[in-house]
């Protein structure tokens, strides 16, 4: 998909949580993921308005939302929250919505950050989880 400016539209990744939501954005040609920010809210309309703003600002065509599942693949509390967020975004924005298994993203980010001695804040984990989620999607889409 291409934006009105002729540049390939960007992909936004969302790692929703109960208190914080991490965001990442693809580069204009869809090869790499860059972390945006970690947005603190309890969800609801404030989070939706923030996501709408990101979609407009970056000319996003696709939103990849992390879908938390138990290690056995069963739905858990966060699964419903992610599915509801996907529905809410779909109602408000004309973008493609993809729900992606995020079982290992937070664990992988924590492992990497601890290994490098860089784990500082939970917000770092949320943002980097969104980056990992998006980069995995971009890599799978390219191959």
N, C-alpha and C. Protein backbone atom coordinates (compact mmCIF):
# COMPACT_ATOMS: atom_id res chain seq x y z
N UNK A 1 0.83 -1.18 0.00
CA UNK A 1 0.00 0.00 0.00
C UNK A 1 0.87 1.24 0.00
N UNK A 2 0.39 2.26 -0.69
CA UNK A 2 1.13 3.51 -0.76
C UNK A 2 0.28 4.64 -0.23
N UNK A 3 0.95 5.63 0.36
CA UNK A 3 0.26 6.78 0.92
C UNK A 3 -0.07 7.76 -0.19
N UNK A 4 -0.77 8.84 0.18
CA UNK A 4 -1.11 9.87 -0.79
C UNK A 4 0.14 10.53 -1.36
N UNK A 5 1.23 10.53 -0.60
CA UNK A 5 2.47 11.16 -1.06
C UNK A 5 3.28 10.24 -1.97
N UNK A 6 2.79 9.02 -2.23
CA UNK A 6 3.48 8.10 -3.12
C UNK A 6 4.48 7.21 -2.42
N UNK A 7 4.66 7.38 -1.13
CA UNK A 7 5.59 6.56 -0.35
C UNK A 7 4.82 5.37 0.19
N UNK A 8 5.48 4.24 0.24
CA UNK A 8 4.84 3.06 0.80
C UNK A 8 4.35 3.38 2.21
N UNK A 9 3.12 3.03 2.50
CA UNK A 9 2.54 3.33 3.81
C UNK A 9 3.26 2.57 4.91
N UNK A 10 3.29 3.16 6.07
CA UNK A 10 3.97 2.57 7.21
C UNK A 10 3.07 1.61 7.98
N UNK A 11 3.72 0.79 8.77
CA UNK A 11 3.03 -0.17 9.62
C UNK A 11 3.31 0.22 11.07
N UNK A 12 2.25 0.27 11.85
CA UNK A 12 2.35 0.60 13.27
C UNK A 12 2.17 -0.67 14.07
N UNK A 13 3.03 -0.86 15.06
CA UNK A 13 2.92 -2.01 15.96
C UNK A 13 2.49 -1.51 17.33
N UNK A 14 1.56 -2.25 17.95
CA UNK A 14 1.02 -1.88 19.25
C UNK A 14 1.17 -3.07 20.19
N UNK A 15 1.83 -2.83 21.32
CA UNK A 15 1.96 -3.86 22.37
C UNK A 15 1.16 -3.37 23.57
N UNK A 16 -0.16 -3.70 23.61
CA UNK A 16 -1.02 -3.15 24.66
C UNK A 16 -0.83 -3.86 26.00
N UNK A 17 -0.94 -3.07 27.05
CA UNK A 17 -0.89 -3.62 28.40
C UNK A 17 -1.94 -2.95 29.25
N UNK A 18 -2.01 -3.32 30.50
CA UNK A 18 -3.02 -2.73 31.38
C UNK A 18 -2.67 -1.29 31.77
N UNK A 19 -1.39 -0.96 31.87
CA UNK A 19 -0.97 0.38 32.27
C UNK A 19 -0.20 1.12 31.18
N UNK A 20 0.52 0.36 30.37
CA UNK A 20 1.38 0.96 29.34
C UNK A 20 1.16 0.25 28.01
N UNK A 21 1.32 1.02 26.93
CA UNK A 21 1.24 0.47 25.59
C UNK A 21 2.49 0.90 24.83
N UNK A 22 3.22 -0.08 24.31
CA UNK A 22 4.41 0.21 23.53
C UNK A 22 4.07 0.34 22.05
N UNK A 23 4.78 1.23 21.36
CA UNK A 23 4.55 1.46 19.94
C UNK A 23 5.85 1.36 19.16
N UNK A 24 5.75 0.86 17.94
CA UNK A 24 6.87 0.85 17.00
C UNK A 24 6.31 1.15 15.62
N UNK A 25 7.17 1.63 14.75
CA UNK A 25 6.76 2.05 13.41
C UNK A 25 7.77 1.53 12.39
N UNK A 26 7.25 1.07 11.27
CA UNK A 26 8.17 0.64 10.20
C UNK A 26 8.77 1.86 9.52
N UNK A 27 9.90 1.65 8.88
CA UNK A 27 10.46 2.70 8.05
C UNK A 27 9.57 2.84 6.82
N UNK A 28 9.73 3.90 6.02
CA UNK A 28 8.81 4.10 4.89
C UNK A 28 8.79 2.98 3.85
N UNK A 29 9.84 2.17 3.77
CA UNK A 29 9.82 1.10 2.77
C UNK A 29 9.54 -0.28 3.38
N UNK A 30 9.26 -0.31 4.67
CA UNK A 30 8.80 -1.54 5.30
C UNK A 30 9.87 -2.60 5.56
N UNK A 31 11.08 -2.16 5.89
CA UNK A 31 12.17 -3.11 6.13
C UNK A 31 12.52 -3.21 7.62
N UNK A 32 12.56 -2.06 8.29
CA UNK A 32 12.97 -2.07 9.70
C UNK A 32 11.91 -1.45 10.60
N UNK A 33 11.96 -1.84 11.87
CA UNK A 33 11.04 -1.31 12.88
C UNK A 33 11.82 -0.40 13.83
N UNK A 34 11.25 0.75 14.12
CA UNK A 34 11.84 1.67 15.08
C UNK A 34 10.86 1.89 16.22
N UNK A 35 11.38 1.94 17.44
CA UNK A 35 10.52 2.21 18.59
C UNK A 35 10.05 3.64 18.58
N UNK A 36 8.80 3.84 18.94
CA UNK A 36 8.28 5.19 19.09
C UNK A 36 8.33 5.55 20.58
N UNK A 37 7.27 5.25 21.28
CA UNK A 37 7.22 5.58 22.69
C UNK A 37 6.41 4.53 23.43
N UNK A 38 6.41 4.69 24.72
CA UNK A 38 5.51 3.90 25.54
C UNK A 38 4.49 4.88 26.09
N UNK A 39 3.23 4.61 25.82
CA UNK A 39 2.14 5.50 26.20
C UNK A 39 1.49 4.96 27.47
N UNK A 40 1.40 5.79 28.48
CA UNK A 40 0.81 5.35 29.74
C UNK A 40 -0.65 5.76 29.81
N UNK A 41 -1.52 4.77 29.95
CA UNK A 41 -2.96 5.00 30.13
C UNK A 41 -3.59 3.69 30.53
N UNK A 42 -4.81 3.75 30.96
CA UNK A 42 -5.53 2.53 31.31
C UNK A 42 -6.40 2.06 30.15
N UNK A 43 -6.04 2.47 28.94
CA UNK A 43 -6.79 2.08 27.75
C UNK A 43 -7.90 3.07 27.47
N UNK A 44 -8.97 2.58 26.87
CA UNK A 44 -10.13 3.43 26.61
C UNK A 44 -9.91 4.45 25.52
N UNK A 45 -10.70 5.52 25.59
CA UNK A 45 -10.72 6.50 24.52
C UNK A 45 -9.41 7.28 24.41
N UNK A 46 -8.70 7.49 25.53
CA UNK A 46 -7.43 8.22 25.47
C UNK A 46 -6.43 7.45 24.62
N UNK A 47 -6.34 6.15 24.82
CA UNK A 47 -5.44 5.32 24.03
C UNK A 47 -5.86 5.32 22.56
N UNK A 48 -7.15 5.17 22.30
CA UNK A 48 -7.64 5.17 20.91
C UNK A 48 -7.33 6.48 20.20
N UNK A 49 -7.51 7.59 20.88
CA UNK A 49 -7.20 8.89 20.29
C UNK A 49 -5.71 9.00 19.98
N UNK A 50 -4.89 8.49 20.86
CA UNK A 50 -3.44 8.51 20.63
C UNK A 50 -3.08 7.67 19.40
N UNK A 51 -3.67 6.49 19.30
CA UNK A 51 -3.41 5.61 18.15
C UNK A 51 -3.90 6.27 16.86
N UNK A 52 -5.08 6.88 16.90
CA UNK A 52 -5.59 7.60 15.72
C UNK A 52 -4.61 8.68 15.28
N UNK A 53 -4.07 9.41 16.24
CA UNK A 53 -3.10 10.46 15.93
C UNK A 53 -1.85 9.89 15.27
N UNK A 54 -1.35 8.76 15.77
CA UNK A 54 -0.18 8.13 15.16
C UNK A 54 -0.48 7.65 13.74
N UNK A 55 -1.67 7.10 13.54
CA UNK A 55 -2.06 6.62 12.21
C UNK A 55 -2.06 7.78 11.22
N UNK A 56 -2.64 8.90 11.61
CA UNK A 56 -2.68 10.08 10.74
C UNK A 56 -1.27 10.65 10.52
N UNK A 57 -0.54 10.85 11.60
CA UNK A 57 0.78 11.49 11.52
C UNK A 57 1.74 10.73 10.62
N UNK A 58 1.73 9.41 10.72
CA UNK A 58 2.70 8.59 9.98
C UNK A 58 2.12 7.91 8.75
N UNK A 59 0.88 8.26 8.38
CA UNK A 59 0.23 7.67 7.20
C UNK A 59 0.28 6.15 7.25
N UNK A 60 -0.20 5.60 8.34
CA UNK A 60 -0.17 4.16 8.59
C UNK A 60 -1.30 3.48 7.82
N UNK A 61 -0.98 2.35 7.18
CA UNK A 61 -1.99 1.57 6.46
C UNK A 61 -2.33 0.27 7.19
N UNK A 62 -1.42 -0.19 8.05
CA UNK A 62 -1.61 -1.45 8.75
C UNK A 62 -1.20 -1.28 10.21
N UNK A 63 -2.01 -1.86 11.10
CA UNK A 63 -1.69 -1.85 12.53
C UNK A 63 -1.56 -3.30 12.97
N UNK A 64 -0.39 -3.63 13.51
CA UNK A 64 -0.12 -4.96 14.03
C UNK A 64 -0.25 -4.87 15.55
N UNK A 65 -1.17 -5.65 16.10
CA UNK A 65 -1.43 -5.62 17.54
C UNK A 65 -0.98 -6.93 18.17
N UNK A 66 -0.22 -6.81 19.25
CA UNK A 66 0.22 -7.99 19.97
C UNK A 66 -0.96 -8.69 20.62
N UNK A 67 -1.02 -10.00 20.43
CA UNK A 67 -2.08 -10.83 20.99
C UNK A 67 -1.49 -11.74 22.06
N UNK A 68 -1.68 -11.40 23.33
CA UNK A 68 -1.12 -12.24 24.39
C UNK A 68 -1.88 -13.56 24.51
N UNK A 69 -1.12 -14.62 24.60
CA UNK A 69 -1.67 -15.96 24.79
C UNK A 69 -0.85 -16.66 25.86
N UNK A 70 -1.44 -17.67 26.48
CA UNK A 70 -0.67 -18.46 27.44
C UNK A 70 0.37 -19.25 26.66
N UNK A 71 1.35 -19.82 27.35
CA UNK A 71 2.38 -20.59 26.67
C UNK A 71 1.80 -21.78 25.92
N UNK A 72 0.64 -22.27 26.35
CA UNK A 72 -0.01 -23.39 25.65
C UNK A 72 -0.85 -22.92 24.47
N UNK A 73 -0.95 -21.59 24.28
CA UNK A 73 -1.70 -21.05 23.15
C UNK A 73 -3.13 -20.68 23.48
N UNK A 74 -3.51 -20.81 24.73
CA UNK A 74 -4.87 -20.46 25.14
C UNK A 74 -4.99 -18.96 25.36
N UNK A 75 -6.24 -18.49 25.21
CA UNK A 75 -6.50 -17.07 25.45
C UNK A 75 -6.43 -16.77 26.95
N UNK A 76 -5.93 -15.57 27.25
CA UNK A 76 -5.81 -15.11 28.63
C UNK A 76 -6.47 -13.74 28.74
N UNK A 77 -6.39 -13.12 29.91
CA UNK A 77 -7.04 -11.83 30.13
C UNK A 77 -6.67 -10.79 29.07
N UNK A 78 -5.40 -10.67 28.76
CA UNK A 78 -4.95 -9.68 27.80
C UNK A 78 -5.42 -9.94 26.38
N UNK A 79 -5.77 -11.17 26.07
CA UNK A 79 -6.23 -11.51 24.72
C UNK A 79 -7.49 -10.73 24.38
N UNK A 80 -8.43 -10.72 25.30
CA UNK A 80 -9.70 -10.00 25.10
C UNK A 80 -9.44 -8.51 24.91
N UNK A 81 -8.52 -7.96 25.69
CA UNK A 81 -8.18 -6.53 25.60
C UNK A 81 -7.62 -6.21 24.22
N UNK A 82 -6.74 -7.06 23.70
CA UNK A 82 -6.17 -6.83 22.37
C UNK A 82 -7.22 -6.95 21.27
N UNK A 83 -8.09 -7.94 21.39
CA UNK A 83 -9.16 -8.11 20.39
C UNK A 83 -10.11 -6.90 20.40
N UNK A 84 -10.43 -6.39 21.59
CA UNK A 84 -11.31 -5.22 21.68
C UNK A 84 -10.62 -3.99 21.09
N UNK A 85 -9.33 -3.83 21.36
CA UNK A 85 -8.59 -2.71 20.79
C UNK A 85 -8.61 -2.78 19.26
N UNK A 86 -8.42 -3.97 18.72
CA UNK A 86 -8.45 -4.16 17.27
C UNK A 86 -9.80 -3.73 16.71
N UNK A 87 -10.88 -4.14 17.35
CA UNK A 87 -12.23 -3.77 16.89
C UNK A 87 -12.43 -2.27 16.98
N UNK A 88 -12.00 -1.66 18.07
CA UNK A 88 -12.16 -0.22 18.25
C UNK A 88 -11.39 0.57 17.19
N UNK A 89 -10.17 0.16 16.88
CA UNK A 89 -9.39 0.84 15.85
C UNK A 89 -10.06 0.67 14.50
N UNK A 90 -10.53 -0.53 14.21
CA UNK A 90 -11.19 -0.82 12.93
C UNK A 90 -12.42 0.06 12.72
N UNK A 91 -13.16 0.32 13.80
CA UNK A 91 -14.36 1.17 13.73
C UNK A 91 -14.02 2.62 13.45
N UNK A 92 -12.85 3.07 13.91
CA UNK A 92 -12.50 4.49 13.83
C UNK A 92 -11.56 4.84 12.68
N UNK A 93 -10.82 3.88 12.19
CA UNK A 93 -9.78 4.17 11.19
C UNK A 93 -9.86 3.19 10.02
N UNK A 94 -9.52 3.67 8.85
CA UNK A 94 -9.50 2.81 7.68
C UNK A 94 -8.10 2.23 7.50
N UNK A 95 -7.80 1.22 8.32
CA UNK A 95 -6.51 0.55 8.27
C UNK A 95 -6.72 -0.95 8.37
N UNK A 96 -5.76 -1.68 7.88
CA UNK A 96 -5.78 -3.14 8.05
C UNK A 96 -5.31 -3.44 9.46
N UNK A 97 -5.98 -4.36 10.14
CA UNK A 97 -5.62 -4.75 11.50
C UNK A 97 -5.15 -6.20 11.49
N UNK A 98 -3.99 -6.44 12.09
CA UNK A 98 -3.47 -7.80 12.21
C UNK A 98 -3.18 -8.08 13.67
N UNK A 99 -3.70 -9.16 14.19
CA UNK A 99 -3.38 -9.61 15.54
C UNK A 99 -2.28 -10.65 15.43
N UNK A 100 -1.21 -10.47 16.20
CA UNK A 100 -0.05 -11.37 16.12
C UNK A 100 0.30 -11.92 17.49
N UNK A 101 0.56 -13.19 17.53
CA UNK A 101 0.99 -13.87 18.76
C UNK A 101 2.22 -13.16 19.33
N UNK A 102 2.12 -12.75 20.58
CA UNK A 102 3.24 -12.04 21.19
C UNK A 102 3.80 -12.79 22.40
N UNK A 103 3.52 -14.08 22.48
CA UNK A 103 3.92 -14.85 23.66
C UNK A 103 5.36 -14.65 24.07
N UNK A 104 6.24 -14.60 23.14
CA UNK A 104 7.66 -14.58 23.50
C UNK A 104 8.30 -13.20 23.42
N UNK A 105 7.60 -12.18 22.92
CA UNK A 105 8.25 -10.90 22.69
C UNK A 105 8.75 -10.25 23.97
N UNK A 106 7.92 -10.15 25.00
CA UNK A 106 8.38 -9.51 26.24
C UNK A 106 9.50 -10.30 26.90
N UNK A 107 9.38 -11.62 26.89
CA UNK A 107 10.43 -12.46 27.47
C UNK A 107 11.74 -12.30 26.72
N UNK A 108 11.66 -12.23 25.40
CA UNK A 108 12.86 -12.07 24.57
C UNK A 108 13.51 -10.72 24.82
N UNK A 109 12.69 -9.67 24.91
CA UNK A 109 13.23 -8.34 25.17
C UNK A 109 13.90 -8.30 26.54
N UNK A 110 13.25 -8.83 27.56
CA UNK A 110 13.86 -8.86 28.89
C UNK A 110 15.18 -9.61 28.88
N UNK A 111 15.23 -10.74 28.19
CA UNK A 111 16.46 -11.53 28.11
C UNK A 111 17.58 -10.71 27.45
N UNK A 112 17.26 -10.07 26.35
CA UNK A 112 18.27 -9.28 25.62
C UNK A 112 18.76 -8.12 26.48
N UNK A 113 17.84 -7.41 27.12
CA UNK A 113 18.22 -6.25 27.91
C UNK A 113 19.03 -6.65 29.14
N UNK A 114 18.65 -7.74 29.78
CA UNK A 114 19.42 -8.21 30.94
C UNK A 114 20.81 -8.65 30.52
N UNK A 115 20.87 -9.33 29.37
CA UNK A 115 22.15 -9.81 28.86
C UNK A 115 23.09 -8.63 28.60
N UNK A 116 22.53 -7.54 28.12
CA UNK A 116 23.34 -6.36 27.82
C UNK A 116 23.44 -5.41 29.01
N UNK A 117 22.79 -5.77 30.12
CA UNK A 117 22.84 -4.92 31.30
C UNK A 117 22.11 -3.60 31.13
N UNK A 118 21.10 -3.56 30.27
CA UNK A 118 20.43 -2.30 29.95
C UNK A 118 18.99 -2.22 30.42
N UNK A 119 18.53 -3.18 31.20
CA UNK A 119 17.13 -3.12 31.63
C UNK A 119 16.98 -2.01 32.67
N UNK A 120 16.18 -1.03 32.35
CA UNK A 120 16.03 0.12 33.22
C UNK A 120 14.58 0.28 33.69
N UNK A 121 13.66 0.32 32.75
CA UNK A 121 12.27 0.60 33.10
C UNK A 121 11.35 -0.36 32.35
N UNK A 122 10.19 -0.60 32.95
CA UNK A 122 9.19 -1.44 32.30
C UNK A 122 8.77 -0.83 30.97
N UNK A 123 8.78 0.50 30.89
CA UNK A 123 8.40 1.18 29.65
C UNK A 123 9.34 0.80 28.51
N UNK A 124 10.62 0.58 28.82
CA UNK A 124 11.58 0.15 27.79
C UNK A 124 11.17 -1.21 27.22
N UNK A 125 10.74 -2.10 28.09
CA UNK A 125 10.33 -3.44 27.66
C UNK A 125 9.10 -3.35 26.76
N UNK A 126 8.13 -2.52 27.12
CA UNK A 126 6.91 -2.39 26.32
C UNK A 126 7.21 -1.87 24.92
N UNK A 127 8.05 -0.83 24.85
CA UNK A 127 8.40 -0.24 23.55
C UNK A 127 9.19 -1.24 22.70
N UNK A 128 10.18 -1.88 23.31
CA UNK A 128 11.00 -2.83 22.57
C UNK A 128 10.22 -4.09 22.19
N UNK A 129 9.23 -4.45 22.98
CA UNK A 129 8.36 -5.58 22.60
C UNK A 129 7.60 -5.24 21.32
N UNK A 130 7.15 -4.00 21.22
CA UNK A 130 6.46 -3.56 20.00
C UNK A 130 7.42 -3.60 18.81
N UNK A 131 8.67 -3.21 19.03
CA UNK A 131 9.68 -3.26 17.96
C UNK A 131 9.89 -4.70 17.51
N UNK A 132 10.08 -5.60 18.45
CA UNK A 132 10.31 -7.01 18.12
C UNK A 132 9.11 -7.62 17.39
N UNK A 133 7.91 -7.30 17.86
CA UNK A 133 6.69 -7.78 17.22
C UNK A 133 6.64 -7.32 15.76
N UNK A 134 6.92 -6.05 15.53
CA UNK A 134 6.87 -5.50 14.18
C UNK A 134 8.01 -6.04 13.31
N UNK A 135 9.22 -6.12 13.87
CA UNK A 135 10.34 -6.61 13.07
C UNK A 135 10.11 -8.05 12.63
N UNK A 136 9.56 -8.87 13.53
CA UNK A 136 9.25 -10.25 13.16
C UNK A 136 8.22 -10.29 12.03
N UNK A 137 7.21 -9.44 12.12
CA UNK A 137 6.20 -9.37 11.05
C UNK A 137 6.83 -8.93 9.73
N UNK A 138 7.67 -7.90 9.77
CA UNK A 138 8.31 -7.40 8.55
C UNK A 138 9.21 -8.48 7.92
N UNK A 139 9.96 -9.18 8.77
CA UNK A 139 10.85 -10.23 8.27
C UNK A 139 10.05 -11.36 7.63
N UNK A 140 8.96 -11.76 8.24
CA UNK A 140 8.12 -12.84 7.69
C UNK A 140 7.45 -12.40 6.40
N UNK A 141 7.05 -11.13 6.32
CA UNK A 141 6.38 -10.62 5.12
C UNK A 141 7.34 -10.51 3.94
N UNK A 142 8.61 -10.25 4.23
CA UNK A 142 9.62 -10.06 3.17
C UNK A 142 10.05 -11.41 2.59
N UNK A 143 9.97 -12.47 3.40
CA UNK A 143 10.51 -13.75 2.96
C UNK A 143 9.48 -14.61 2.48
